[in-house]
Amino acid sequence: MSQRRIARIEELLREELSVIIRDEVNDPRIGFVTVSQVKVSADLGHAKVYVSVMGDAKAREATMKGITSAGGYIQRALGARVKLKFLPHLEFLLDDTLDQAFHIEEILKKIEDEKSNK
């Protein structure tokens, strides 16, 4: 399958999953969630859904548990919205790239402060 088609499917799934999680999933554990990326396997059998969660570690953990427990509902709702011959199995993963970026920024700021104090 062409990379262009896979990229289009990934973007379609990302958009639809964002709407489903935001508007249709009514789990109080789920906080502010952004679907940052969807990676689909070449055979379209599996999709890794990366979600970014605002809040502390406890809020992230609760949100991930809520999303995982609503996984079946999310899968069915996605199947009703997206017309694909085979809908990939969804795996929800926490996207911690923002945390890593903030950590790197803090390290760089400390280095810059140390240089200016010399």
PDB file of N, CA and C in Angstrom:
ATOM      1  N   MET A   1       0.846  -1.168   0.000  1.00  0.00           N
ATOM      2  CA  MET A   1       0.000   0.000   0.000  1.00  0.00           C
ATOM      3  C   MET A   1       0.896   1.238   0.000  1.00  0.00           C
ATOM      4  N   SER A   2       0.494   2.256  -0.710  1.00  0.00           N
ATOM      5  CA  SER A   2       1.333   3.443  -0.839  1.00  0.00           C
ATOM      6  C   SER A   2       1.392   4.228   0.468  1.00  0.00           C
ATOM      7  N   GLN A   3       2.532   4.862   0.688  1.00  0.00           N
ATOM      8  CA  GLN A   3       2.728   5.662   1.897  1.00  0.00           C
ATOM      9  C   GLN A   3       1.763   6.846   1.930  1.00  0.00           C
ATOM     10  N   ARG A   4       1.426   7.359   0.766  1.00  0.00           N
ATOM     11  CA  ARG A   4       0.501   8.495   0.690  1.00  0.00           C
ATOM     12  C   ARG A   4      -0.890   8.085   1.195  1.00  0.00           C
ATOM     13  N   ARG A   5      -1.343   6.899   0.797  1.00  0.00           N
ATOM     14  CA  ARG A   5      -2.656   6.423   1.232  1.00  0.00           C
ATOM     15  C   ARG A   5      -2.651   6.147   2.731  1.00  0.00           C
ATOM     16  N   ILE A   6      -1.591   5.546   3.230  1.00  0.00           N
ATOM     17  CA  ILE A   6      -1.492   5.285   4.667  1.00  0.00           C
ATOM     18  C   ILE A   6      -1.507   6.598   5.444  1.00  0.00           C
ATOM     19  N   ALA A   7      -0.788   7.599   4.948  1.00  0.00           N
ATOM     20  CA  ALA A   7      -0.760   8.903   5.618  1.00  0.00           C
ATOM     21  C   ALA A   7      -2.153   9.530   5.637  1.00  0.00           C
ATOM     22  N   ARG A   8      -2.907   9.389   4.557  1.00  0.00           N
ATOM     23  CA  ARG A   8      -4.271   9.927   4.517  1.00  0.00           C
ATOM     24  C   ARG A   8      -5.180   9.198   5.503  1.00  0.00           C
ATOM     25  N   ILE A   9      -5.028   7.884   5.595  1.00  0.00           N
ATOM     26  CA  ILE A   9      -5.832   7.100   6.532  1.00  0.00           C
ATOM     27  C   ILE A   9      -5.475   7.484   7.965  1.00  0.00           C
ATOM     28  N   GLU A  10      -4.184   7.653   8.250  1.00  0.00           N
ATOM     29  CA  GLU A  10      -3.757   8.052   9.595  1.00  0.00           C
ATOM     30  C   GLU A  10      -4.360   9.392   9.990  1.00  0.00           C
ATOM     31  N   GLU A  11      -4.347  10.337   9.077  1.00  0.00           N
ATOM     32  CA  GLU A  11      -4.907  11.664   9.373  1.00  0.00           C
ATOM     33  C   GLU A  11      -6.419  11.584   9.563  1.00  0.00           C
ATOM     34  N   LEU A  12      -7.104  10.805   8.745  1.00  0.00           N
ATOM     35  CA  LEU A  12      -8.544  10.622   8.888  1.00  0.00           C
ATOM     36  C   LEU A  12      -8.872  10.016  10.249  1.00  0.00           C
ATOM     37  N   LEU A  13      -8.148   8.979  10.629  1.00  0.00           N
ATOM     38  CA  LEU A  13      -8.384   8.337  11.913  1.00  0.00           C
ATOM     39  C   LEU A  13      -8.104   9.292  13.065  1.00  0.00           C
ATOM     40  N   ARG A  14      -7.035  10.075  12.955  1.00  0.00           N
ATOM     41  CA  ARG A  14      -6.699  11.038  14.011  1.00  0.00           C
ATOM     42  C   ARG A  14      -7.830  12.039  14.213  1.00  0.00           C
ATOM     43  N   GLU A  15      -8.343  12.584  13.119  1.00  0.00           N
ATOM     44  CA  GLU A  15      -9.423  13.568  13.207  1.00  0.00           C
ATOM     45  C   GLU A  15     -10.690  12.959  13.813  1.00  0.00           C
ATOM     46  N   GLU A  16     -11.072  11.797  13.330  1.00  0.00           N
ATOM     47  CA  GLU A  16     -12.309  11.168  13.810  1.00  0.00           C
ATOM     48  C   GLU A  16     -12.181  10.728  15.268  1.00  0.00           C
ATOM     49  N   LEU A  17     -11.026  10.182  15.643  1.00  0.00           N
ATOM     50  CA  LEU A  17     -10.829   9.770  17.032  1.00  0.00           C
ATOM     51  C   LEU A  17     -10.863  10.968  17.977  1.00  0.00           C
ATOM     52  N   SER A  18     -10.316  12.085  17.533  1.00  0.00           N
ATOM     53  CA  SER A  18     -10.359  13.300  18.353  1.00  0.00           C
ATOM     54  C   SER A  18     -11.795  13.698  18.659  1.00  0.00           C
ATOM     55  N   VAL A  19     -12.630  13.678  17.650  1.00  0.00           N
ATOM     56  CA  VAL A  19     -14.034  14.056  17.824  1.00  0.00           C
ATOM     57  C   VAL A  19     -14.753  13.045  18.711  1.00  0.00           C
ATOM     58  N   ILE A  20     -14.518  11.766  18.492  1.00  0.00           N
ATOM     59  CA  ILE A  20     -15.196  10.731  19.282  1.00  0.00           C
ATOM     60  C   ILE A  20     -14.820  10.859  20.752  1.00  0.00           C
ATOM     61  N   ILE A  21     -13.526  10.980  21.039  1.00  0.00           N
ATOM     62  CA  ILE A  21     -13.090  11.065  22.438  1.00  0.00           C
ATOM     63  C   ILE A  21     -13.606  12.342  23.090  1.00  0.00           C
ATOM     64  N   ARG A  22     -13.568  13.443  22.366  1.00  0.00           N
ATOM     65  CA  ARG A  22     -13.999  14.728  22.922  1.00  0.00           C
ATOM     66  C   ARG A  22     -15.502  14.806  23.133  1.00  0.00           C
ATOM     67  N   ASP A  23     -16.272  14.331  22.157  1.00  0.00           N
ATOM     68  CA  ASP A  23     -17.715  14.574  22.177  1.00  0.00           C
ATOM     69  C   ASP A  23     -18.577  13.389  22.624  1.00  0.00           C
ATOM     70  N   GLU A  24     -18.099  12.179  22.453  1.00  0.00           N
ATOM     71  CA  GLU A  24     -18.973  11.033  22.665  1.00  0.00           C
ATOM     72  C   GLU A  24     -18.628  10.178  23.875  1.00  0.00           C
ATOM     73  N   VAL A  25     -17.386  10.166  24.293  1.00  0.00           N
ATOM     74  CA  VAL A  25     -17.000   9.335  25.432  1.00  0.00           C
ATOM     75  C   VAL A  25     -17.295  10.106  26.714  1.00  0.00           C
ATOM     76  N   ASN A  26     -18.171   9.546  27.541  1.00  0.00           N
ATOM     77  CA  ASN A  26     -18.588  10.222  28.773  1.00  0.00           C
ATOM     78  C   ASN A  26     -18.019   9.507  29.996  1.00  0.00           C
ATOM     79  N   ASP A  27     -16.722   9.508  30.112  1.00  0.00           N
ATOM     80  CA  ASP A  27     -16.064   8.890  31.262  1.00  0.00           C
ATOM     81  C   ASP A  27     -15.451  10.014  32.092  1.00  0.00           C
ATOM     82  N   PRO A  28     -15.823  10.136  33.374  1.00  0.00           N
ATOM     83  CA  PRO A  28     -15.300  11.241  34.182  1.00  0.00           C
ATOM     84  C   PRO A  28     -13.792  11.180  34.415  1.00  0.00           C
ATOM     85  N   ARG A  29     -13.191  10.016  34.189  1.00  0.00           N
ATOM     86  CA  ARG A  29     -11.736   9.899  34.353  1.00  0.00           C
ATOM     87  C   ARG A  29     -10.972  10.596  33.233  1.00  0.00           C
ATOM     88  N   ILE A  30     -11.613  10.761  32.093  1.00  0.00           N
ATOM     89  CA  ILE A  30     -10.936  11.315  30.923  1.00  0.00           C
ATOM     90  C   ILE A  30     -10.925  12.830  31.025  1.00  0.00           C
ATOM     91  N   GLY A  31      -9.711  13.387  31.077  1.00  0.00           N
ATOM     92  CA  GLY A  31      -9.539  14.827  31.160  1.00  0.00           C
ATOM     93  C   GLY A  31      -9.373  15.431  29.774  1.00  0.00           C
ATOM     94  N   PHE A  32      -8.550  16.471  29.704  1.00  0.00           N
ATOM     95  CA  PHE A  32      -8.296  17.147  28.438  1.00  0.00           C
ATOM     96  C   PHE A  32      -7.314  16.315  27.624  1.00  0.00           C
ATOM     97  N   VAL A  33      -7.793  15.747  26.512  1.00  0.00           N
ATOM     98  CA  VAL A  33      -7.015  14.823  25.690  1.00  0.00           C
ATOM     99  C   VAL A  33      -6.891  15.365  24.278  1.00  0.00           C
ATOM    100  N   THR A  34      -5.704  15.225  23.721  1.00  0.00           N
ATOM    101  CA  THR A  34      -5.470  15.552  22.324  1.00  0.00           C
ATOM    102  C   THR A  34      -4.902  14.321  21.642  1.00  0.00           C
ATOM    103  N   VAL A  35      -5.517  13.905  20.554  1.00  0.00           N
ATOM    104  CA  VAL A  35      -4.957  12.804  19.763  1.00  0.00           C
ATOM    105  C   VAL A  35      -3.870  13.428  18.901  1.00  0.00           C
ATOM    106  N   SER A  36      -2.620  13.158  19.258  1.00  0.00           N
ATOM    107  CA  SER A  36      -1.513  13.831  18.581  1.00  0.00           C
ATOM    108  C   SER A  36      -1.074  13.119  17.312  1.00  0.00           C
ATOM    109  N   GLN A  37      -1.210  11.802  17.283  1.00  0.00           N
ATOM    110  CA  GLN A  37      -0.721  11.078  16.119  1.00  0.00           C
ATOM    111  C   GLN A  37      -1.351   9.694  16.077  1.00  0.00           C
ATOM    112  N   VAL A  38      -1.541   9.194  14.865  1.00  0.00           N
ATOM    113  CA  VAL A  38      -1.984   7.816  14.669  1.00  0.00           C
ATOM    114  C   VAL A  38      -1.008   7.184  13.691  1.00  0.00           C
ATOM    115  N   LYS A  39      -0.475   6.027  14.063  1.00  0.00           N
ATOM    116  CA  LYS A  39       0.436   5.281  13.195  1.00  0.00           C
ATOM    117  C   LYS A  39      -0.220   3.956  12.851  1.00  0.00           C
ATOM    118  N   VAL A  40      -0.456   3.740  11.559  1.00  0.00           N
ATOM    119  CA  VAL A  40      -1.135   2.547  11.087  1.00  0.00           C
ATOM    120  C   VAL A  40      -0.107   1.603  10.475  1.00  0.00           C
ATOM    121  N   SER A  41      -0.253   0.302  10.747  1.00  0.00           N
ATOM    122  CA  SER A  41       0.648  -0.680  10.148  1.00  0.00           C
ATOM    123  C   SER A  41       0.396  -0.755   8.644  1.00  0.00           C
ATOM    124  N   ALA A  42       1.352  -1.304   7.923  1.00  0.00           N
ATOM    125  CA  ALA A  42       1.267  -1.359   6.461  1.00  0.00           C
ATOM    126  C   ALA A  42       0.068  -2.171   5.984  1.00  0.00           C
ATOM    127  N   ASP A  43      -0.335  -3.186   6.758  1.00  0.00           N
ATOM    128  CA  ASP A  43      -1.479  -4.002   6.358  1.00  0.00           C
ATOM    129  C   ASP A  43      -2.807  -3.470   6.896  1.00  0.00           C
ATOM    130  N   LEU A  44      -2.773  -2.325   7.559  1.00  0.00           N
ATOM    131  CA  LEU A  44      -3.943  -1.669   8.143  1.00  0.00           C
ATOM    132  C   LEU A  44      -4.614  -2.516   9.223  1.00  0.00           C
ATOM    133  N   GLY A  45      -3.880  -3.441   9.804  1.00  0.00           N
ATOM    134  CA  GLY A  45      -4.443  -4.292  10.833  1.00  0.00           C
ATOM    135  C   GLY A  45      -4.399  -3.685  12.221  1.00  0.00           C
ATOM    136  N   HIS A  46      -3.411  -2.845  12.468  1.00  0.00           N
ATOM    137  CA  HIS A  46      -3.226  -2.243  13.788  1.00  0.00           C
ATOM    138  C   HIS A  46      -2.952  -0.758  13.652  1.00  0.00           C
ATOM    139  N   ALA A  47      -3.393  -0.014  14.647  1.00  0.00           N
ATOM    140  CA  ALA A  47      -3.131   1.423  14.683  1.00  0.00           C
ATOM    141  C   ALA A  47      -2.731   1.811  16.097  1.00  0.00           C
ATOM    142  N   LYS A  48      -1.613   2.498  16.220  1.00  0.00           N
ATOM    143  CA  LYS A  48      -1.188   3.038  17.506  1.00  0.00           C
ATOM    144  C   LYS A  48      -1.681   4.477  17.566  1.00  0.00           C
ATOM    145  N   VAL A  49      -2.484   4.756  18.582  1.00  0.00           N
ATOM    146  CA  VAL A  49      -3.075   6.074  18.757  1.00  0.00           C
ATOM    147  C   VAL A  49      -2.347   6.755  19.904  1.00  0.00           C
ATOM    148  N   TYR A  50      -1.606   7.809  19.593  1.00  0.00           N
ATOM    149  CA  TYR A  50      -0.849   8.545  20.602  1.00  0.00           C
ATOM    150  C   TYR A  50      -1.692   9.705  21.100  1.00  0.00           C
ATOM    151  N   VAL A  51      -1.933   9.720  22.411  1.00  0.00           N
ATOM    152  CA  VAL A  51      -2.730  10.786  23.005  1.00  0.00           C
ATOM    153  C   VAL A  51      -1.885  11.579  23.980  1.00  0.00           C
ATOM    154  N   SER A  52      -2.078  12.878  23.952  1.00  0.00           N
ATOM    155  CA  SER A  52      -1.407  13.792  24.869  1.00  0.00           C
ATOM    156  C   SER A  52      -2.439  14.237  25.895  1.00  0.00           C
ATOM    157  N   VAL A  53      -2.065  14.162  27.170  1.00  0.00           N
ATOM    158  CA  VAL A  53      -3.004  14.447  28.248  1.00  0.00           C
ATOM    159  C   VAL A  53      -2.464  15.592  29.092  1.00  0.00           C
ATOM    160  N   MET A  54      -3.308  16.580  29.340  1.00  0.00           N
ATOM    161  CA  MET A  54      -2.927  17.680  30.221  1.00  0.00           C
ATOM    162  C   MET A  54      -3.137  17.252  31.668  1.00  0.00           C
ATOM    163  N   GLY A  55      -2.200  17.655  32.540  1.00  0.00           N
ATOM    164  CA  GLY A  55      -2.344  17.351  33.951  1.00  0.00           C
ATOM    165  C   GLY A  55      -1.136  16.623  34.503  1.00  0.00           C
ATOM    166  N   ASP A  56      -1.229  16.289  35.775  1.00  0.00           N
ATOM    167  CA  ASP A  56      -0.127  15.604  36.439  1.00  0.00           C
ATOM    168  C   ASP A  56      -0.169  14.112  36.122  1.00  0.00           C
ATOM    169  N   ALA A  57       0.762  13.372  36.702  1.00  0.00           N
ATOM    170  CA  ALA A  57       0.877  11.944  36.421  1.00  0.00           C
ATOM    171  C   ALA A  57      -0.389  11.177  36.808  1.00  0.00           C
ATOM    172  N   LYS A  58      -1.013  11.578  37.901  1.00  0.00           N
ATOM    173  CA  LYS A  58      -2.231  10.907  38.350  1.00  0.00           C
ATOM    174  C   LYS A  58      -3.362  11.116  37.343  1.00  0.00           C
ATOM    175  N   ALA A  59      -3.493  12.334  36.843  1.00  0.00           N
ATOM    176  CA  ALA A  59      -4.533  12.636  35.855  1.00  0.00           C
ATOM    177  C   ALA A  59      -4.274  11.888  34.548  1.00  0.00           C
ATOM    178  N   ARG A  60      -3.005  11.803  34.157  1.00  0.00           N
ATOM    179  CA  ARG A  60      -2.658  11.070  32.932  1.00  0.00           C
ATOM    180  C   ARG A  60      -3.023   9.595  33.065  1.00  0.00           C
ATOM    181  N   GLU A  61      -2.684   9.019  34.223  1.00  0.00           N
ATOM    182  CA  GLU A  61      -2.964   7.607  34.441  1.00  0.00           C
ATOM    183  C   GLU A  61      -4.470   7.343  34.422  1.00  0.00           C
ATOM    184  N   ALA A  62      -5.241   8.195  35.085  1.00  0.00           N
ATOM    185  CA  ALA A  62      -6.698   8.035  35.113  1.00  0.00           C
ATOM    186  C   ALA A  62      -7.286   8.184  33.712  1.00  0.00           C
ATOM    187  N   THR A  63      -6.788   9.149  32.959  1.00  0.00           N
ATOM    188  CA  THR A  63      -7.280   9.367  31.598  1.00  0.00           C
ATOM    189  C   THR A  63      -6.977   8.171  30.709  1.00  0.00           C
ATOM    190  N   MET A  64      -5.772   7.637  30.821  1.00  0.00           N
ATOM    191  CA  MET A  64      -5.419   6.478  30.000  1.00  0.00           C
ATOM    192  C   MET A  64      -6.267   5.262  30.363  1.00  0.00           C
ATOM    193  N   LYS A  65      -6.561   5.087  31.651  1.00  0.00           N
ATOM    194  CA  LYS A  65      -7.434   3.982  32.059  1.00  0.00           C
ATOM    195  C   LYS A  65      -8.836   4.177  31.491  1.00  0.00           C
ATOM    196  N   GLY A  66      -9.320   5.419  31.507  1.00  0.00           N
ATOM    197  CA  GLY A  66     -10.636   5.707  30.962  1.00  0.00           C
ATOM    198  C   GLY A  66     -10.711   5.462  29.468  1.00  0.00           C
ATOM    199  N   ILE A  67      -9.687   5.892  28.751  1.00  0.00           N
ATOM    200  CA  ILE A  67      -9.666   5.693  27.299  1.00  0.00           C
ATOM    201  C   ILE A  67      -9.558   4.208  26.969  1.00  0.00           C
ATOM    202  N   THR A  68      -8.720   3.491  27.702  1.00  0.00           N
ATOM    203  CA  THR A  68      -8.561   2.066  27.458  1.00  0.00           C
ATOM    204  C   THR A  68      -9.859   1.310  27.729  1.00  0.00           C
ATOM    205  N   SER A  69     -10.544   1.665  28.813  1.00  0.00           N
ATOM    206  CA  SER A  69     -11.802   0.972  29.118  1.00  0.00           C
ATOM    207  C   SER A  69     -12.896   1.318  28.118  1.00  0.00           C
ATOM    208  N   ALA A  70     -12.823   2.485  27.494  1.00  0.00           N
ATOM    209  CA  ALA A  70     -13.801   2.880  26.476  1.00  0.00           C
ATOM    210  C   ALA A  70     -13.350   2.463  25.077  1.00  0.00           C
ATOM    211  N   GLY A  71     -12.276   1.687  24.993  1.00  0.00           N
ATOM    212  CA  GLY A  71     -11.703   1.300  23.702  1.00  0.00           C
ATOM    213  C   GLY A  71     -12.678   0.612  22.773  1.00  0.00           C
ATOM    214  N   GLY A  72     -13.504  -0.294  23.312  1.00  0.00           N
ATOM    215  CA  GLY A  72     -14.482  -0.988  22.478  1.00  0.00           C
ATOM    216  C   GLY A  72     -15.507  -0.028  21.895  1.00  0.00           C
ATOM    217  N   TYR A  73     -15.995   0.885  22.733  1.00  0.00           N
ATOM    218  CA  TYR A  73     -16.952   1.879  22.250  1.00  0.00           C
ATOM    219  C   TYR A  73     -16.311   2.764  21.179  1.00  0.00           C
ATOM    220  N   ILE A  74     -15.085   3.199  21.441  1.00  0.00           N
ATOM    221  CA  ILE A  74     -14.380   4.063  20.488  1.00  0.00           C
ATOM    222  C   ILE A  74     -14.199   3.337  19.161  1.00  0.00           C
ATOM    223  N   GLN A  75     -13.830   2.058  19.219  1.00  0.00           N
ATOM    224  CA  GLN A  75     -13.643   1.251  18.010  1.00  0.00           C
ATOM    225  C   GLN A  75     -14.945   1.167  17.211  1.00  0.00           C
ATOM    226  N   ARG A  76     -16.057   0.899  17.893  1.00  0.00           N
ATOM    227  CA  ARG A  76     -17.355   0.797  17.205  1.00  0.00           C
ATOM    228  C   ARG A  76     -17.779   2.142  16.619  1.00  0.00           C
ATOM    229  N   ALA A  77     -17.599   3.216  17.381  1.00  0.00           N
ATOM    230  CA  ALA A  77     -17.978   4.542  16.887  1.00  0.00           C
ATOM    231  C   ALA A  77     -17.133   4.924  15.675  1.00  0.00           C
ATOM    232  N   LEU A  78     -15.866   4.568  15.711  1.00  0.00           N
ATOM    233  CA  LEU A  78     -14.992   4.851  14.567  1.00  0.00           C
ATOM    234  C   LEU A  78     -15.434   4.051  13.346  1.00  0.00           C
ATOM    235  N   GLY A  79     -15.820   2.797  13.562  1.00  0.00           N
ATOM    236  CA  GLY A  79     -16.294   1.968  12.454  1.00  0.00           C
ATOM    237  C   GLY A  79     -17.548   2.525  11.810  1.00  0.00           C
ATOM    238  N   ALA A  80     -18.398   3.154  12.609  1.00  0.00           N
ATOM    239  CA  ALA A  80     -19.621   3.750  12.067  1.00  0.00           C
ATOM    240  C   ALA A  80     -19.332   5.017  11.268  1.00  0.00           C
ATOM    241  N   ARG A  81     -18.244   5.697  11.600  1.00  0.00           N
ATOM    242  CA  ARG A  81     -17.919   6.966  10.944  1.00  0.00           C
ATOM    243  C   ARG A  81     -17.017   6.803   9.724  1.00  0.00           C
ATOM    244  N   VAL A  82     -16.112   5.847   9.775  1.00  0.00           N
ATOM    245  CA  VAL A  82     -15.093   5.687   8.740  1.00  0.00           C
ATOM    246  C   VAL A  82     -15.424   4.463   7.899  1.00  0.00           C
ATOM    247  N   LYS A  83     -15.439   4.639   6.619  1.00  0.00           N
ATOM    248  CA  LYS A  83     -15.760   3.533   5.728  1.00  0.00           C
ATOM    249  C   LYS A  83     -14.469   2.953   5.141  1.00  0.00           C
ATOM    250  N   LEU A  84     -13.931   1.970   5.869  1.00  0.00           N
ATOM    251  CA  LEU A  84     -12.767   1.228   5.407  1.00  0.00           C
ATOM    252  C   LEU A  84     -13.163  -0.237   5.323  1.00  0.00           C
ATOM    253  N   LYS A  85     -12.534  -0.966   4.426  1.00  0.00           N
ATOM    254  CA  LYS A  85     -12.841  -2.389   4.303  1.00  0.00           C
ATOM    255  C   LYS A  85     -12.538  -3.107   5.613  1.00  0.00           C
ATOM    256  N   PHE A  86     -11.376  -2.817   6.190  1.00  0.00           N
ATOM    257  CA  PHE A  86     -10.988  -3.368   7.483  1.00  0.00           C
ATOM    258  C   PHE A  86     -10.572  -2.219   8.384  1.00  0.00           C
ATOM    259  N   LEU A  87     -11.174  -2.162   9.544  1.00  0.00           N
ATOM    260  CA  LEU A  87     -10.823  -1.130  10.517  1.00  0.00           C
ATOM    261  C   LEU A  87      -9.688  -1.661  11.388  1.00  0.00           C
ATOM    262  N   PRO A  88      -8.609  -0.898  11.539  1.00  0.00           N
ATOM    263  CA  PRO A  88      -7.499  -1.399  12.345  1.00  0.00           C
ATOM    264  C   PRO A  88      -7.853  -1.503  13.822  1.00  0.00           C
ATOM    265  N   HIS A  89      -7.217  -2.448  14.494  1.00  0.00           N
ATOM    266  CA  HIS A  89      -7.344  -2.582  15.943  1.00  0.00           C
ATOM    267  C   HIS A  89      -6.603  -1.418  16.583  1.00  0.00           C
ATOM    268  N   LEU A  90      -7.234  -0.722  17.509  1.00  0.00           N
ATOM    269  CA  LEU A  90      -6.648   0.474  18.108  1.00  0.00           C
ATOM    270  C   LEU A  90      -5.895   0.145  19.386  1.00  0.00           C
ATOM    271  N   GLU A  91      -4.717   0.729  19.518  1.00  0.00           N
ATOM    272  CA  GLU A  91      -3.918   0.637  20.741  1.00  0.00           C
ATOM    273  C   GLU A  91      -3.624   2.066  21.184  1.00  0.00           C
ATOM    274  N   PHE A  92      -4.044   2.421  22.375  1.00  0.00           N
ATOM    275  CA  PHE A  92      -3.875   3.779  22.875  1.00  0.00           C
ATOM    276  C   PHE A  92      -2.600   3.879  23.698  1.00  0.00           C
ATOM    277  N   LEU A  93      -1.768   4.857  23.352  1.00  0.00           N
ATOM    278  CA  LEU A  93      -0.492   5.070  24.031  1.00  0.00           C
ATOM    279  C   LEU A  93      -0.368   6.528  24.442  1.00  0.00           C
ATOM    280  N   LEU A  94       0.278   6.743  25.570  1.00  0.00           N
ATOM    281  CA  LEU A  94       0.496   8.102  26.059  1.00  0.00           C
ATOM    282  C   LEU A  94       1.636   8.740  25.281  1.00  0.00           C
ATOM    283  N   ASP A  95       1.397   9.918  24.753  1.00  0.00           N
ATOM    284  CA  ASP A  95       2.418  10.675  24.029  1.00  0.00           C
ATOM    285  C   ASP A  95       3.060  11.649  25.004  1.00  0.00           C
ATOM    286  N   ASP A  96       4.306  11.405  25.338  1.00  0.00           N
ATOM    287  CA  ASP A  96       4.992  12.249  26.316  1.00  0.00           C
ATOM    288  C   ASP A  96       6.042  13.158  25.684  1.00  0.00           C
ATOM    289  N   THR A  97       5.907  13.457  24.403  1.00  0.00           N
ATOM    290  CA  THR A  97       6.892  14.303  23.746  1.00  0.00           C
ATOM    291  C   THR A  97       6.887  15.728  24.295  1.00  0.00           C
ATOM    292  N   LEU A  98       5.725  16.242  24.713  1.00  0.00           N
ATOM    293  CA  LEU A  98       5.685  17.586  25.293  1.00  0.00           C
ATOM    294  C   LEU A  98       6.448  17.627  26.612  1.00  0.00           C
ATOM    295  N   ASP A  99       6.296  16.600  27.428  1.00  0.00           N
ATOM    296  CA  ASP A  99       7.039  16.527  28.692  1.00  0.00           C
ATOM    297  C   ASP A  99       8.540  16.486  28.428  1.00  0.00           C
ATOM    298  N   GLN A 100       8.930  15.705  27.435  1.00  0.00           N
ATOM    299  CA  GLN A 100      10.351  15.616  27.089  1.00  0.00           C
ATOM    300  C   GLN A 100      10.862  16.956  26.584  1.00  0.00           C
ATOM    301  N   ALA A 101      10.062  17.660  25.801  1.00  0.00           N
ATOM    302  CA  ALA A 101      10.471  18.965  25.288  1.00  0.00           C
ATOM    303  C   ALA A 101      10.648  19.971  26.426  1.00  0.00           C
ATOM    304  N   PHE A 102       9.724  19.965  27.388  1.00  0.00           N
ATOM    305  CA  PHE A 102       9.852  20.862  28.540  1.00  0.00           C
ATOM    306  C   PHE A 102      11.086  20.530  29.362  1.00  0.00           C
ATOM    307  N   HIS A 103      11.366  19.253  29.525  1.00  0.00           N
ATOM    308  CA  HIS A 103      12.538  18.823  30.287  1.00  0.00           C
ATOM    309  C   HIS A 103      13.828  19.286  29.594  1.00  0.00           C
ATOM    310  N   ILE A 104      13.892  19.114  28.289  1.00  0.00           N
ATOM    311  CA  ILE A 104      15.068  19.561  27.530  1.00  0.00           C
ATOM    312  C   ILE A 104      15.218  21.072  27.620  1.00  0.00           C
ATOM    313  N   GLU A 105      14.089  21.783  27.551  1.00  0.00           N
ATOM    314  CA  GLU A 105      14.126  23.237  27.659  1.00  0.00           C
ATOM    315  C   GLU A 105      14.664  23.672  29.021  1.00  0.00           C
ATOM    316  N   GLU A 106      14.260  22.986  30.089  1.00  0.00           N
ATOM    317  CA  GLU A 106      14.765  23.291  31.427  1.00  0.00           C
ATOM    318  C   GLU A 106      16.268  23.056  31.517  1.00  0.00           C
ATOM    319  N   ILE A 107      16.733  21.961  30.957  1.00  0.00           N
ATOM    320  CA  ILE A 107      18.172  21.659  30.967  1.00  0.00           C
ATOM    321  C   ILE A 107      18.943  22.739  30.212  1.00  0.00           C
ATOM    322  N   LEU A 108      18.456  23.121  29.049  1.00  0.00           N
ATOM    323  CA  LEU A 108      19.135  24.159  28.267  1.00  0.00           C
ATOM    324  C   LEU A 108      19.145  25.495  29.002  1.00  0.00           C
ATOM    325  N   LYS A 109      18.066  25.803  29.701  1.00  0.00           N
ATOM    326  CA  LYS A 109      18.007  27.045  30.479  1.00  0.00           C
ATOM    327  C   LYS A 109      19.029  27.007  31.611  1.00  0.00           C
ATOM    328  N   LYS A 110      19.165  25.867  32.290  1.00  0.00           N
ATOM    329  CA  LYS A 110      20.159  25.733  33.355  1.00  0.00           C
ATOM    330  C   LYS A 110      21.570  25.910  32.812  1.00  0.00           C
ATOM    331  N   ILE A 111      21.833  25.325  31.673  1.00  0.00           N
ATOM    332  CA  ILE A 111      23.169  25.462  31.049  1.00  0.00           C
ATOM    333  C   ILE A 111      23.431  26.922  30.701  1.00  0.00           C
ATOM    334  N   GLU A 112      22.438  27.578  30.142  1.00  0.00           N
ATOM    335  CA  GLU A 112      22.586  28.988  29.780  1.00  0.00           C
ATOM    336  C   GLU A 112      22.811  29.845  31.026  1.00  0.00           C
ATOM    337  N   ASP A 113      22.089  29.555  32.107  1.00  0.00           N
ATOM    338  CA  ASP A 113      22.268  30.292  33.363  1.00  0.00           C
ATOM    339  C   ASP A 113      23.662  30.087  33.932  1.00  0.00           C
ATOM    340  N   GLU A 114      24.171  28.853  33.851  1.00  0.00           N
ATOM    341  CA  GLU A 114      25.516  28.563  34.347  1.00  0.00           C
ATOM    342  C   GLU A 114      26.577  29.291  33.530  1.00  0.00           C
ATOM    343  N   LYS A 115      26.371  29.386  32.229  1.00  0.00           N
ATOM    344  CA  LYS A 115      27.318  30.087  31.366  1.00  0.00           C
ATOM    345  C   LYS A 115      27.323  31.593  31.679  1.00  0.00           C
ATOM    346  N   SER A 116      26.157  32.138  31.940  1.00  0.00           N
ATOM    347  CA  SER A 116      26.077  33.578  32.203  1.00  0.00           C
ATOM    348  C   SER A 116      26.619  33.941  33.590  1.00  0.00           C
ATOM    349  N   ASN A 117      26.650  32.991  34.525  1.00  0.00           N
ATOM    350  CA  ASN A 117      27.178  33.235  35.866  1.00  0.00           C
ATOM    351  C   ASN A 117      28.697  33.128  35.937  1.00  0.00           C
ATOM    352  N   LYS A 118      29.325  32.608  34.906  1.00  0.00           N
ATOM    353  CA  LYS A 118      30.785  32.457  34.918  1.00  0.00           C
ATOM    354  C   LYS A 118      31.477  33.740  34.562  1.00  0.00           C
TER     355      LYS A 118
END
